[in-house]
Amino acid sequence: MRTVVAVLVTAVLALPAVAKEKKAEKVLPHADDVVKTATERFEKDFADKDSDKRLRILKWYGMHMHKDVLKRLSKIYLKGKDLEQQALAAMGLGNQLHDPKKAVKYLMQGIEAFDKYATREDPEGDEETKQELEATVLANTLIALAKLNVKPDKKGWKAIKKLIDHNHDEIAIAMLDWCGTTQEWRALPVILEWFNFYPDGYSWSGGSVSVDTGAAGNKDAKAAKAKFHAKYGGRARKARPKAHAAMKKALKAITGLEFKKAEELKAWMKENKQLLKKKGV
């Protein structure tokens, strides 16, 4: 099986200049006759037994912008059983600039439907191959969302923000890139927590929690252990230089500033509470 790969300093305590948002220009879909011809070619090649031929035509078809293309891509993306096809369909949805809201709707459904993708620990053999393909589906979903540049609502943000902390680097990097591309200020608290755990991209700093149950004996210690595991237990203890670089790039894109340490970001966020409040943080 051929894997589809996603194409994929010190803080200054001054308010960054906020660029004025430009009004998005309306993008027109391709003409009906053009899409009709493309669809006929797509249906013929997509029915071929050659898997590479099916992938090639799907990628080509996804470059067309039209309501019919969007509908077909969403079906392959959400209901398909072939991960490589799902990954390409996600990229095709990212091309539907004529109707970004509907394309985002389908992509956000994918975020929820593929929640368990690429979450197995230490996979081997076929499981490892499957995990990499799953990661590409989610990464392509995030790349497509960034291209469409439509921010999710409160419910959507709750569903997507956890991908910043995904243990698979391809997914985490795509998510951090999306945060930077869309200047997603709501990501800062999650990024700060991630920064604390991976301070330099090569080490894992651990974490701490405290509880006070008022109980005698070792119940507090047990409660603290349970709380720690719930919050930090799933975090990968590994070097993550590429994800760390993506995180710093996202911070620069969002705030306009560079941070060498998590403490600098924490201090800046504390210093600029009013700005962050205006940004929905």
C-alpha atoms as a PDB file:
ATOM      1  CA  MET A   1       0.000   0.000   0.000  1.00  0.00           C
ATOM      2  CA  ARG A   2       1.354   3.381  -0.946  1.00  0.00           C
ATOM      3  CA  THR A   3       1.162   5.930   1.848  1.00  0.00           C
ATOM      4  CA  VAL A   4      -0.300   9.327   1.032  1.00  0.00           C
ATOM      5  CA  VAL A   5       1.896  11.861   2.745  1.00  0.00           C
ATOM      6  CA  ALA A   6       0.433  15.157   3.864  1.00  0.00           C
ATOM      7  CA  VAL A   7       2.112  18.101   2.368  1.00  0.00           C
ATOM      8  CA  LEU A   8       2.908  18.666   5.098  1.00  0.00           C
ATOM      9  CA  VAL A   9      14.612  34.930  21.744  1.00  0.00           C
ATOM     10  CA  THR A  10      13.138  36.555  24.402  1.00  0.00           C
ATOM     11  CA  ALA A  11       9.574  37.743  24.734  1.00  0.00           C
ATOM     12  CA  VAL A  12       8.951  41.454  24.642  1.00  0.00           C
ATOM     13  CA  LEU A  13       6.142  42.563  26.936  1.00  0.00           C
ATOM     14  CA  ALA A  14       4.559  44.863  24.394  1.00  0.00           C
ATOM     15  CA  LEU A  15       1.254  44.522  22.644  1.00  0.00           C
ATOM     16  CA  PRO A  16       1.737  43.085  19.149  1.00  0.00           C
ATOM     17  CA  ALA A  17       0.355  44.991  16.244  1.00  0.00           C
ATOM     18  CA  VAL A  18      -2.891  43.407  15.117  1.00  0.00           C
ATOM     19  CA  ALA A  19      -3.347  43.411  11.374  1.00  0.00           C
ATOM     20  CA  LYS A  20      -6.743  44.427  10.027  1.00  0.00           C
ATOM     21  CA  GLU A  21      -8.710  41.495   8.693  1.00  0.00           C
ATOM     22  CA  LYS A  22      -9.283  41.611   4.968  1.00  0.00           C
ATOM     23  CA  LYS A  23     -12.719  40.847   3.652  1.00  0.00           C
ATOM     24  CA  ALA A  24     -12.620  37.469   1.952  1.00  0.00           C
ATOM     25  CA  GLU A  25     -13.140  37.616  -1.782  1.00  0.00           C
ATOM     26  CA  LYS A  26     -15.952  35.477  -3.151  1.00  0.00           C
ATOM     27  CA  VAL A  27     -14.664  32.464  -5.054  1.00  0.00           C
ATOM     28  CA  LEU A  28     -16.782  31.184  -7.915  1.00  0.00           C
ATOM     29  CA  PRO A  29     -17.184  27.448  -8.557  1.00  0.00           C
ATOM     30  CA  HIS A  30     -16.184  25.801 -11.801  1.00  0.00           C
ATOM     31  CA  ALA A  31     -18.778  25.837 -14.557  1.00  0.00           C
ATOM     32  CA  ASP A  32     -21.357  23.036 -14.575  1.00  0.00           C
ATOM     33  CA  ASP A  33     -20.290  21.721 -17.989  1.00  0.00           C
ATOM     34  CA  VAL A  34     -16.640  21.577 -16.900  1.00  0.00           C
ATOM     35  CA  VAL A  35     -17.550  19.610 -13.773  1.00  0.00           C
ATOM     36  CA  LYS A  36     -19.892  17.323 -15.711  1.00  0.00           C
ATOM     37  CA  THR A  37     -17.022  16.312 -17.998  1.00  0.00           C
ATOM     38  CA  ALA A  38     -14.667  15.928 -15.010  1.00  0.00           C
ATOM     39  CA  THR A  39     -17.227  13.778 -13.196  1.00  0.00           C
ATOM     40  CA  GLU A  40     -17.605  11.420 -16.137  1.00  0.00           C
ATOM     41  CA  ARG A  41     -13.848  10.936 -16.252  1.00  0.00           C
ATOM     42  CA  PHE A  42     -13.710  10.533 -12.469  1.00  0.00           C
ATOM     43  CA  GLU A  43     -16.423   7.866 -12.382  1.00  0.00           C
ATOM     44  CA  LYS A  44     -14.694   5.859 -15.092  1.00  0.00           C
ATOM     45  CA  ASP A  45     -11.214   5.898 -13.528  1.00  0.00           C
ATOM     46  CA  PHE A  46     -12.430   5.573  -9.929  1.00  0.00           C
ATOM     47  CA  ALA A  47     -14.107   2.284 -10.881  1.00  0.00           C
ATOM     48  CA  ASP A  48     -10.777   0.889 -12.116  1.00  0.00           C
ATOM     49  CA  LYS A  49      -9.163  -1.998 -10.196  1.00  0.00           C
ATOM     50  CA  ASP A  50      -5.809  -0.166 -10.119  1.00  0.00           C
ATOM     51  CA  SER A  51      -5.663   1.539  -6.678  1.00  0.00           C
ATOM     52  CA  ASP A  52      -3.008   4.028  -7.832  1.00  0.00           C
ATOM     53  CA  LYS A  53      -5.219   5.078 -10.732  1.00  0.00           C
ATOM     54  CA  ARG A  54      -8.133   5.609  -8.340  1.00  0.00           C
ATOM     55  CA  LEU A  55      -5.981   7.784  -6.086  1.00  0.00           C
ATOM     56  CA  ARG A  56      -4.674   9.840  -9.000  1.00  0.00           C
ATOM     57  CA  ILE A  57      -8.134  10.581 -10.354  1.00  0.00           C
ATOM     58  CA  LEU A  58      -9.462  11.384  -6.887  1.00  0.00           C
ATOM     59  CA  LYS A  59      -6.674  13.908  -6.324  1.00  0.00           C
ATOM     60  CA  TRP A  60      -7.365  15.486  -9.731  1.00  0.00           C
ATOM     61  CA  TYR A  61     -11.127  15.564  -9.207  1.00  0.00           C
ATOM     62  CA  GLY A  62     -10.680  17.214  -5.806  1.00  0.00           C
ATOM     63  CA  MET A  63      -9.075  20.213  -7.474  1.00  0.00           C
ATOM     64  CA  HIS A  64     -12.447  21.147  -8.961  1.00  0.00           C
ATOM     65  CA  MET A  65     -14.714  23.499  -7.018  1.00  0.00           C
ATOM     66  CA  HIS A  66     -18.387  22.647  -7.284  1.00  0.00           C
ATOM     67  CA  LYS A  67     -21.311  21.536  -5.132  1.00  0.00           C
ATOM     68  CA  ASP A  68     -21.354  18.107  -6.800  1.00  0.00           C
ATOM     69  CA  VAL A  69     -17.625  17.618  -6.206  1.00  0.00           C
ATOM     70  CA  LEU A  70     -18.025  18.694  -2.585  1.00  0.00           C
ATOM     71  CA  LYS A  71     -20.828  16.159  -2.090  1.00  0.00           C
ATOM     72  CA  ARG A  72     -18.860  13.273  -3.603  1.00  0.00           C
ATOM     73  CA  LEU A  73     -15.719  14.121  -1.651  1.00  0.00           C
ATOM     74  CA  SER A  74     -17.617  14.340   1.637  1.00  0.00           C
ATOM     75  CA  LYS A  75     -19.061  10.853   1.075  1.00  0.00           C
ATOM     76  CA  ILE A  76     -15.615   9.357   0.405  1.00  0.00           C
ATOM     77  CA  TYR A  77     -14.124  11.267   3.332  1.00  0.00           C
ATOM     78  CA  LEU A  78     -16.731  10.377   5.948  1.00  0.00           C
ATOM     79  CA  LYS A  79     -18.043   7.000   4.763  1.00  0.00           C
ATOM     80  CA  GLY A  80     -15.161   5.549   2.792  1.00  0.00           C
ATOM     81  CA  LYS A  81     -13.211   2.513   3.999  1.00  0.00           C
ATOM     82  CA  ASP A  82      -9.922   3.301   2.259  1.00  0.00           C
ATOM     83  CA  LEU A  83      -7.689   5.551   4.383  1.00  0.00           C
ATOM     84  CA  GLU A  84      -5.640   6.756   1.429  1.00  0.00           C
ATOM     85  CA  GLN A  85      -8.803   7.836  -0.357  1.00  0.00           C
ATOM     86  CA  GLN A  86     -10.081   9.532   2.795  1.00  0.00           C
ATOM     87  CA  ALA A  87      -6.831  11.474   3.089  1.00  0.00           C
ATOM     88  CA  LEU A  88      -7.090  12.745  -0.501  1.00  0.00           C
ATOM     89  CA  ALA A  89     -10.788  13.530  -0.107  1.00  0.00           C
ATOM     90  CA  ALA A  90      -9.903  15.687   2.904  1.00  0.00           C
ATOM     91  CA  MET A  91      -7.444  17.667   0.787  1.00  0.00           C
ATOM     92  CA  GLY A  92     -10.091  18.008  -1.912  1.00  0.00           C
ATOM     93  CA  LEU A  93     -12.538  19.433   0.623  1.00  0.00           C
ATOM     94  CA  GLY A  94      -9.901  22.031   1.433  1.00  0.00           C
ATOM     95  CA  ASN A  95     -10.097  23.172  -2.198  1.00  0.00           C
ATOM     96  CA  GLN A  96     -13.832  23.941  -2.000  1.00  0.00           C
ATOM     97  CA  LEU A  97     -13.297  27.658  -1.521  1.00  0.00           C
ATOM     98  CA  HIS A  98     -16.584  28.471  -3.213  1.00  0.00           C
ATOM     99  CA  ASP A  99     -18.456  27.053  -0.186  1.00  0.00           C
ATOM    100  CA  PRO A 100     -15.998  26.979   2.742  1.00  0.00           C
ATOM    101  CA  LYS A 101     -18.671  26.749   5.431  1.00  0.00           C
ATOM    102  CA  LYS A 102     -20.118  23.521   4.072  1.00  0.00           C
ATOM    103  CA  ALA A 103     -16.648  22.052   3.513  1.00  0.00           C
ATOM    104  CA  VAL A 104     -15.696  22.946   7.096  1.00  0.00           C
ATOM    105  CA  LYS A 105     -18.900  21.315   8.324  1.00  0.00           C
ATOM    106  CA  TYR A 106     -17.837  17.992   6.800  1.00  0.00           C
ATOM    107  CA  LEU A 107     -14.243  18.317   7.999  1.00  0.00           C
ATOM    108  CA  MET A 108     -15.379  19.008  11.556  1.00  0.00           C
ATOM    109  CA  GLN A 109     -17.563  15.904  11.368  1.00  0.00           C
ATOM    110  CA  GLY A 110     -14.392  14.048  10.443  1.00  0.00           C
ATOM    111  CA  ILE A 111     -12.563  15.445  13.474  1.00  0.00           C
ATOM    112  CA  GLU A 112     -15.211  13.870  15.684  1.00  0.00           C
ATOM    113  CA  ALA A 113     -15.604  10.643  13.693  1.00  0.00           C
ATOM    114  CA  PHE A 114     -11.865   9.932  13.536  1.00  0.00           C
ATOM    115  CA  ASP A 115     -11.228  10.675  17.205  1.00  0.00           C
ATOM    116  CA  LYS A 116      -9.326   7.418  17.807  1.00  0.00           C
ATOM    117  CA  TYR A 117      -7.170   7.594  14.691  1.00  0.00           C
ATOM    118  CA  ALA A 118      -3.418   7.130  15.244  1.00  0.00           C
ATOM    119  CA  THR A 119      -3.754   6.672  19.012  1.00  0.00           C
ATOM    120  CA  ARG A 120      -2.372   3.136  19.404  1.00  0.00           C
ATOM    121  CA  GLU A 121       0.850   2.891  21.389  1.00  0.00           C
ATOM    122  CA  ASP A 122       3.876   1.190  19.806  1.00  0.00           C
ATOM    123  CA  PRO A 123       2.098  -0.368  16.793  1.00  0.00           C
ATOM    124  CA  GLU A 124       3.977  -2.895  14.676  1.00  0.00           C
ATOM    125  CA  GLY A 125       3.670  -4.288  11.175  1.00  0.00           C
ATOM    126  CA  ASP A 126       0.317  -3.697   9.513  1.00  0.00           C
ATOM    127  CA  GLU A 127      -0.916  -1.802  12.571  1.00  0.00           C
ATOM    128  CA  GLU A 128       1.925   0.682  12.177  1.00  0.00           C
ATOM    129  CA  THR A 129       1.095   1.194   8.502  1.00  0.00           C
ATOM    130  CA  LYS A 130      -2.565   1.705   9.361  1.00  0.00           C
ATOM    131  CA  GLN A 131      -1.671   4.175  12.094  1.00  0.00           C
ATOM    132  CA  GLU A 132       0.438   6.256   9.707  1.00  0.00           C
ATOM    133  CA  LEU A 133      -2.405   6.351   7.202  1.00  0.00           C
ATOM    134  CA  GLU A 134      -4.842   7.374   9.925  1.00  0.00           C
ATOM    135  CA  ALA A 135      -2.482  10.152  10.977  1.00  0.00           C
ATOM    136  CA  THR A 136      -2.399  11.418   7.400  1.00  0.00           C
ATOM    137  CA  VAL A 137      -6.204  11.528   7.252  1.00  0.00           C
ATOM    138  CA  LEU A 138      -6.327  13.743  10.348  1.00  0.00           C
ATOM    139  CA  ALA A 139      -3.330  15.836   9.299  1.00  0.00           C
ATOM    140  CA  ASN A 140      -4.882  16.443   5.866  1.00  0.00           C
ATOM    141  CA  THR A 141      -8.131  17.396   7.584  1.00  0.00           C
ATOM    142  CA  LEU A 142      -6.299  20.086   9.529  1.00  0.00           C
ATOM    143  CA  ILE A 143      -4.396  21.275   6.462  1.00  0.00           C
ATOM    144  CA  ALA A 144      -7.723  21.568   4.626  1.00  0.00           C
ATOM    145  CA  LEU A 145      -9.269  23.518   7.505  1.00  0.00           C
ATOM    146  CA  ALA A 146      -6.328  25.915   7.458  1.00  0.00           C
ATOM    147  CA  LYS A 147      -6.763  26.457   3.723  1.00  0.00           C
ATOM    148  CA  LEU A 148     -10.467  27.222   4.137  1.00  0.00           C
ATOM    149  CA  ASN A 149      -9.619  29.623   6.990  1.00  0.00           C
ATOM    150  CA  VAL A 150     -12.962  29.319   8.797  1.00  0.00           C
ATOM    151  CA  LYS A 151     -12.646  29.161  12.581  1.00  0.00           C
ATOM    152  CA  PRO A 152     -14.848  26.676  14.442  1.00  0.00           C
ATOM    153  CA  ASP A 153     -17.469  27.814  16.928  1.00  0.00           C
ATOM    154  CA  LYS A 154     -17.145  27.119  20.661  1.00  0.00           C
ATOM    155  CA  LYS A 155     -18.310  23.511  20.316  1.00  0.00           C
ATOM    156  CA  GLY A 156     -16.051  22.931  17.334  1.00  0.00           C
ATOM    157  CA  TRP A 157     -13.042  24.419  19.096  1.00  0.00           C
ATOM    158  CA  LYS A 158     -13.599  22.100  22.072  1.00  0.00           C
ATOM    159  CA  ALA A 159     -13.492  19.128  19.703  1.00  0.00           C
ATOM    160  CA  ILE A 160     -10.413  20.223  17.781  1.00  0.00           C
ATOM    161  CA  LYS A 161      -8.138  21.842  20.369  1.00  0.00           C
ATOM    162  CA  LYS A 162      -7.086  18.505  21.891  1.00  0.00           C
ATOM    163  CA  LEU A 163      -5.215  17.701  18.671  1.00  0.00           C
ATOM    164  CA  ILE A 164      -2.528  20.172  19.735  1.00  0.00           C
ATOM    165  CA  ASP A 165      -1.634  17.578  22.329  1.00  0.00           C
ATOM    166  CA  HIS A 166      -1.885  14.557  20.012  1.00  0.00           C
ATOM    167  CA  ASN A 167       0.953  12.072  20.505  1.00  0.00           C
ATOM    168  CA  HIS A 168       1.450  11.638  16.760  1.00  0.00           C
ATOM    169  CA  ASP A 169       3.754  14.372  15.501  1.00  0.00           C
ATOM    170  CA  GLU A 170       2.198  14.605  12.030  1.00  0.00           C
ATOM    171  CA  ILE A 171      -1.172  15.457  13.592  1.00  0.00           C
ATOM    172  CA  ALA A 172       0.226  17.774  16.271  1.00  0.00           C
ATOM    173  CA  ILE A 173       2.293  19.678  13.697  1.00  0.00           C
ATOM    174  CA  ALA A 174      -0.670  20.078  11.343  1.00  0.00           C
ATOM    175  CA  MET A 175      -2.787  21.335  14.236  1.00  0.00           C
ATOM    176  CA  LEU A 176      -0.157  23.821  15.379  1.00  0.00           C
ATOM    177  CA  ASP A 177       0.267  25.023  11.792  1.00  0.00           C
ATOM    178  CA  TRP A 178      -3.510  25.502  11.590  1.00  0.00           C
ATOM    179  CA  CYS A 179      -3.464  27.564  14.808  1.00  0.00           C
ATOM    180  CA  GLY A 180      -0.776  29.813  13.352  1.00  0.00           C
ATOM    181  CA  THR A 181      -2.398  30.133   9.923  1.00  0.00           C
ATOM    182  CA  THR A 182      -5.779  31.117  11.387  1.00  0.00           C
ATOM    183  CA  GLN A 183      -4.208  33.110  14.253  1.00  0.00           C
ATOM    184  CA  GLU A 184      -6.184  31.073  16.772  1.00  0.00           C
ATOM    185  CA  TRP A 185      -5.705  32.897  20.078  1.00  0.00           C
ATOM    186  CA  ARG A 186      -7.812  30.328  21.938  1.00  0.00           C
ATOM    187  CA  ALA A 187      -4.964  27.861  21.445  1.00  0.00           C
ATOM    188  CA  LEU A 188      -2.557  29.729  23.735  1.00  0.00           C
ATOM    189  CA  PRO A 189      -3.511  28.042  27.054  1.00  0.00           C
ATOM    190  CA  VAL A 190      -3.177  24.576  25.480  1.00  0.00           C
ATOM    191  CA  ILE A 191       0.086  25.530  23.794  1.00  0.00           C
ATOM    192  CA  LEU A 192       1.431  26.848  27.107  1.00  0.00           C
ATOM    193  CA  GLU A 193       0.712  23.499  28.757  1.00  0.00           C
ATOM    194  CA  TRP A 194       2.350  21.664  25.836  1.00  0.00           C
ATOM    195  CA  PHE A 195       5.365  24.006  26.038  1.00  0.00           C
ATOM    196  CA  ASN A 196       5.758  23.165  29.740  1.00  0.00           C
ATOM    197  CA  PHE A 197       5.897  19.456  28.976  1.00  0.00           C
ATOM    198  CA  TYR A 198       8.211  19.702  25.977  1.00  0.00           C
ATOM    199  CA  PRO A 199      10.415  22.678  26.950  1.00  0.00           C
ATOM    200  CA  ASP A 200      13.031  22.284  24.219  1.00  0.00           C
ATOM    201  CA  GLY A 201      11.735  19.577  21.903  1.00  0.00           C
ATOM    202  CA  TYR A 202      14.186  16.998  23.197  1.00  0.00           C
ATOM    203  CA  SER A 203      13.109  16.443  26.786  1.00  0.00           C
ATOM    204  CA  TRP A 204       9.938  15.782  28.760  1.00  0.00           C
ATOM    205  CA  SER A 205       9.566  17.844  31.916  1.00  0.00           C
ATOM    206  CA  GLY A 206       6.689  15.999  33.579  1.00  0.00           C
ATOM    207  CA  GLY A 207       4.007  17.803  35.497  1.00  0.00           C
ATOM    208  CA  SER A 208       2.422  18.190  38.882  1.00  0.00           C
ATOM    209  CA  VAL A 209      -1.022  18.442  40.472  1.00  0.00           C
ATOM    210  CA  SER A 210      -2.220  19.001  43.997  1.00  0.00           C
ATOM    211  CA  VAL A 211      -5.365  17.968  45.828  1.00  0.00           C
ATOM    212  CA  ASP A 212      -6.677  18.428  49.322  1.00  0.00           C
ATOM    213  CA  THR A 213      -9.475  16.029  50.200  1.00  0.00           C
ATOM    214  CA  GLY A 214      -9.174  16.673  53.904  1.00  0.00           C
ATOM    215  CA  ALA A 215      -8.893  12.940  54.398  1.00  0.00           C
ATOM    216  CA  ALA A 216      -6.506  11.198  56.755  1.00  0.00           C
ATOM    217  CA  GLY A 217      -3.749   8.780  55.746  1.00  0.00           C
ATOM    218  CA  ASN A 218      -2.586   8.425  52.151  1.00  0.00           C
ATOM    219  CA  LYS A 219      -5.884   9.258  50.434  1.00  0.00           C
ATOM    220  CA  ASP A 220      -4.568  12.656  49.293  1.00  0.00           C
ATOM    221  CA  ALA A 221      -1.573  10.988  47.653  1.00  0.00           C
ATOM    222  CA  LYS A 222      -3.793   8.465  45.878  1.00  0.00           C
ATOM    223  CA  ALA A 223      -6.148  11.211  44.733  1.00  0.00           C
ATOM    224  CA  ALA A 224      -3.215  13.260  43.425  1.00  0.00           C
ATOM    225  CA  LYS A 225      -1.848  10.232  41.575  1.00  0.00           C
ATOM    226  CA  ALA A 226      -5.213   9.593  39.938  1.00  0.00           C
ATOM    227  CA  LYS A 227      -5.532  13.268  38.972  1.00  0.00           C
ATOM    228  CA  PHE A 228      -2.010  13.308  37.509  1.00  0.00           C
ATOM    229  CA  HIS A 229      -2.663  10.199  35.424  1.00  0.00           C
ATOM    230  CA  ALA A 230      -5.949  11.610  34.151  1.00  0.00           C
ATOM    231  CA  LYS A 231      -4.285  14.859  33.059  1.00  0.00           C
ATOM    232  CA  TYR A 232      -0.811  13.779  31.942  1.00  0.00           C
ATOM    233  CA  GLY A 233      -0.789   9.979  31.693  1.00  0.00           C
ATOM    234  CA  GLY A 234      -1.351   9.829  27.950  1.00  0.00           C
ATOM    235  CA  ARG A 235       1.331  12.316  26.970  1.00  0.00           C
ATOM    236  CA  ALA A 236       4.165  10.804  24.964  1.00  0.00           C
ATOM    237  CA  ARG A 237       7.536  10.868  26.723  1.00  0.00           C
ATOM    238  CA  LYS A 238       9.706  11.360  23.662  1.00  0.00           C
ATOM    239  CA  ALA A 239      11.753  13.921  21.804  1.00  0.00           C
ATOM    240  CA  ARG A 240       9.561  16.091  19.572  1.00  0.00           C
ATOM    241  CA  PRO A 241      11.849  18.611  17.836  1.00  0.00           C
ATOM    242  CA  LYS A 242       9.660  19.068  14.738  1.00  0.00           C
ATOM    243  CA  ALA A 243       6.495  19.547  16.772  1.00  0.00           C
ATOM    244  CA  HIS A 244       8.362  21.940  19.071  1.00  0.00           C
ATOM    245  CA  ALA A 245       9.492  24.000  16.071  1.00  0.00           C
ATOM    246  CA  ALA A 246       5.883  24.083  14.807  1.00  0.00           C
ATOM    247  CA  MET A 247       4.724  25.217  18.235  1.00  0.00           C
ATOM    248  CA  LYS A 248       7.164  28.147  18.310  1.00  0.00           C
ATOM    249  CA  LYS A 249       6.211  29.074  14.746  1.00  0.00           C
ATOM    250  CA  ALA A 250       2.528  29.087  15.750  1.00  0.00           C
ATOM    251  CA  LEU A 251       3.241  31.317  18.748  1.00  0.00           C
ATOM    252  CA  LYS A 252       5.043  33.801  16.507  1.00  0.00           C
ATOM    253  CA  ALA A 253       2.169  33.788  14.015  1.00  0.00           C
ATOM    254  CA  ILE A 254      -0.460  34.306  16.722  1.00  0.00           C
ATOM    255  CA  THR A 255       1.244  36.831  19.013  1.00  0.00           C
ATOM    256  CA  GLY A 256       3.899  38.370  16.770  1.00  0.00           C
ATOM    257  CA  LEU A 257       6.478  37.448  19.419  1.00  0.00           C
ATOM    258  CA  GLU A 258       9.078  34.761  20.027  1.00  0.00           C
ATOM    259  CA  PHE A 259       9.407  32.796  23.259  1.00  0.00           C
ATOM    260  CA  LYS A 260      12.400  30.743  24.339  1.00  0.00           C
ATOM    261  CA  LYS A 261      10.798  29.338  27.465  1.00  0.00           C
ATOM    262  CA  ALA A 262       7.310  28.458  28.643  1.00  0.00           C
ATOM    263  CA  GLU A 263       7.814  30.834  31.577  1.00  0.00           C
ATOM    264  CA  GLU A 264       8.147  33.736  29.134  1.00  0.00           C
ATOM    265  CA  LEU A 265       4.866  32.838  27.440  1.00  0.00           C
ATOM    266  CA  LYS A 266       3.143  32.454  30.810  1.00  0.00           C
ATOM    267  CA  ALA A 267       4.388  35.869  31.942  1.00  0.00           C
ATOM    268  CA  TRP A 268       3.311  37.492  28.683  1.00  0.00           C
ATOM    269  CA  MET A 269      -0.161  35.975  28.914  1.00  0.00           C
ATOM    270  CA  LYS A 270      -0.494  37.226  32.487  1.00  0.00           C
ATOM    271  CA  GLU A 271       0.673  40.677  31.446  1.00  0.00           C
ATOM    272  CA  ASN A 272      -1.804  40.814  28.557  1.00  0.00           C
ATOM    273  CA  LYS A 273      -4.983  39.419  30.095  1.00  0.00           C
ATOM    274  CA  GLN A 274      -7.166  42.118  28.595  1.00  0.00           C
ATOM    275  CA  LEU A 275      -5.889  41.494  25.080  1.00  0.00           C
ATOM    276  CA  LEU A 276      -6.458  37.757  25.466  1.00  0.00           C
ATOM    277  CA  LYS A 277      -9.966  38.335  26.797  1.00  0.00           C
ATOM    278  CA  LYS A 278     -10.789  40.366  23.685  1.00  0.00           C
ATOM    279  CA  LYS A 279      -9.449  37.484  21.596  1.00  0.00           C
ATOM    280  CA  GLY A 280     -11.745  34.982  23.277  1.00  0.00           C
ATOM    281  CA  VAL A 281      -9.127  33.280  25.427  1.00  0.00           C
END
